[in-house]
């Protein structure tokens, strides 16, 4: 599992920090919308979106954590 997190961190290294923040916020928000809709008797597409959106939210939140660590590390090395 550790290597999966490292792969996400490495893959997100080339992505600008603002994009990572935006994607994390968007997918967490979309998960909050789609999961209740799917639980209230949603159709197939809502159920698929309710399954996919938390996975994407998890990916972008992990990328955000690694991005924050990278920014803090670069600031510490500058000082």
Protein backbone atom coordinates (compact mmCIF):
# COMPACT_ATOMS: atom_id res chain seq x y z
CA UNK A 1 0.00 0.00 0.00
CA UNK A 2 2.91 2.33 0.74
CA UNK A 3 4.18 1.97 -2.83
CA UNK A 4 0.75 2.96 -4.17
CA UNK A 5 0.88 6.22 -2.20
CA UNK A 6 4.42 6.83 -3.42
CA UNK A 7 3.33 6.26 -7.03
CA UNK A 8 0.53 8.78 -6.63
CA UNK A 9 2.98 11.27 -5.14
CA UNK A 10 5.46 10.73 -7.95
CA UNK A 11 2.79 10.98 -10.64
CA UNK A 12 1.48 14.23 -9.19
CA UNK A 13 4.94 15.85 -9.02
CA UNK A 14 4.58 17.33 -12.50
CA UNK A 15 1.08 18.66 -11.80
CA UNK A 16 0.87 22.29 -10.66
CA UNK A 17 -0.14 22.67 -7.03
CA UNK A 18 -3.20 24.78 -7.87
CA UNK A 19 -4.55 22.05 -10.13
CA UNK A 20 -4.10 19.47 -7.38
CA UNK A 21 -5.99 21.65 -4.89
CA UNK A 22 -8.79 22.31 -7.38
CA UNK A 23 -9.17 18.64 -8.30
CA UNK A 24 -9.19 17.54 -4.65
CA UNK A 25 -11.92 20.06 -3.80
CA UNK A 26 -13.99 19.21 -6.88
CA UNK A 27 -13.91 15.43 -6.37
CA UNK A 28 -14.60 15.57 -2.66
CA UNK A 29 -17.55 17.85 -3.42
CA UNK A 30 -18.82 15.64 -6.21
CA UNK A 31 -18.59 12.61 -3.93
CA UNK A 32 -20.67 14.45 -1.36
CA UNK A 33 -23.31 15.08 -4.03
CA UNK A 34 -23.37 11.77 -5.91
CA UNK A 35 -23.32 9.35 -2.97
CA UNK A 36 -26.58 10.63 -1.40
CA UNK A 37 -28.22 10.74 -4.85
CA UNK A 38 -27.26 7.10 -5.48
CA UNK A 39 -28.49 6.05 -2.04
CA UNK A 40 -31.87 7.68 -2.67
CA UNK A 41 -32.71 5.24 -5.44
CA UNK A 42 -30.43 6.44 -8.17
CA UNK A 43 -30.16 4.95 -11.60
CA UNK A 44 -27.12 3.08 -12.91
CA UNK A 45 -25.13 6.17 -13.90
CA UNK A 46 -25.54 7.73 -10.46
CA UNK A 47 -24.40 4.51 -8.80
CA UNK A 48 -21.35 4.35 -11.09
CA UNK A 49 -20.53 7.98 -10.32
CA UNK A 50 -21.01 7.32 -6.60
CA UNK A 51 -18.44 4.53 -6.81
CA UNK A 52 -15.91 6.33 -9.02
CA UNK A 53 -15.99 9.76 -7.41
CA UNK A 54 -14.69 8.69 -3.96
CA UNK A 55 -11.83 6.84 -5.67
CA UNK A 56 -10.89 9.95 -7.61
CA UNK A 57 -11.31 12.04 -4.47
CA UNK A 58 -8.94 9.72 -2.61
CA UNK A 59 -6.38 9.95 -5.42
CA UNK A 60 -6.43 13.75 -5.47
CA UNK A 61 -6.38 14.09 -1.67
CA UNK A 62 -3.31 11.86 -1.51
CA UNK A 63 -1.74 13.92 -4.30
CA UNK A 64 -2.60 17.05 -2.29
CA UNK A 65 -0.88 15.69 0.81
CA UNK A 66 2.24 14.90 -1.21
CA UNK A 67 2.05 18.32 -2.86
CA UNK A 68 1.91 20.04 0.52
CA UNK A 69 4.90 18.02 1.70
CA UNK A 70 6.82 18.95 -1.44
CA UNK A 71 6.05 22.66 -1.01
CA UNK A 72 7.09 22.59 2.65
CA UNK A 73 10.29 20.77 1.73
CA UNK A 74 11.14 23.31 -0.95
CA UNK A 75 10.49 26.18 1.43
CA UNK A 76 12.66 24.60 4.11
CA UNK A 77 15.50 24.09 1.63
CA UNK A 78 15.30 27.75 0.55
CA UNK A 79 15.60 29.02 4.13
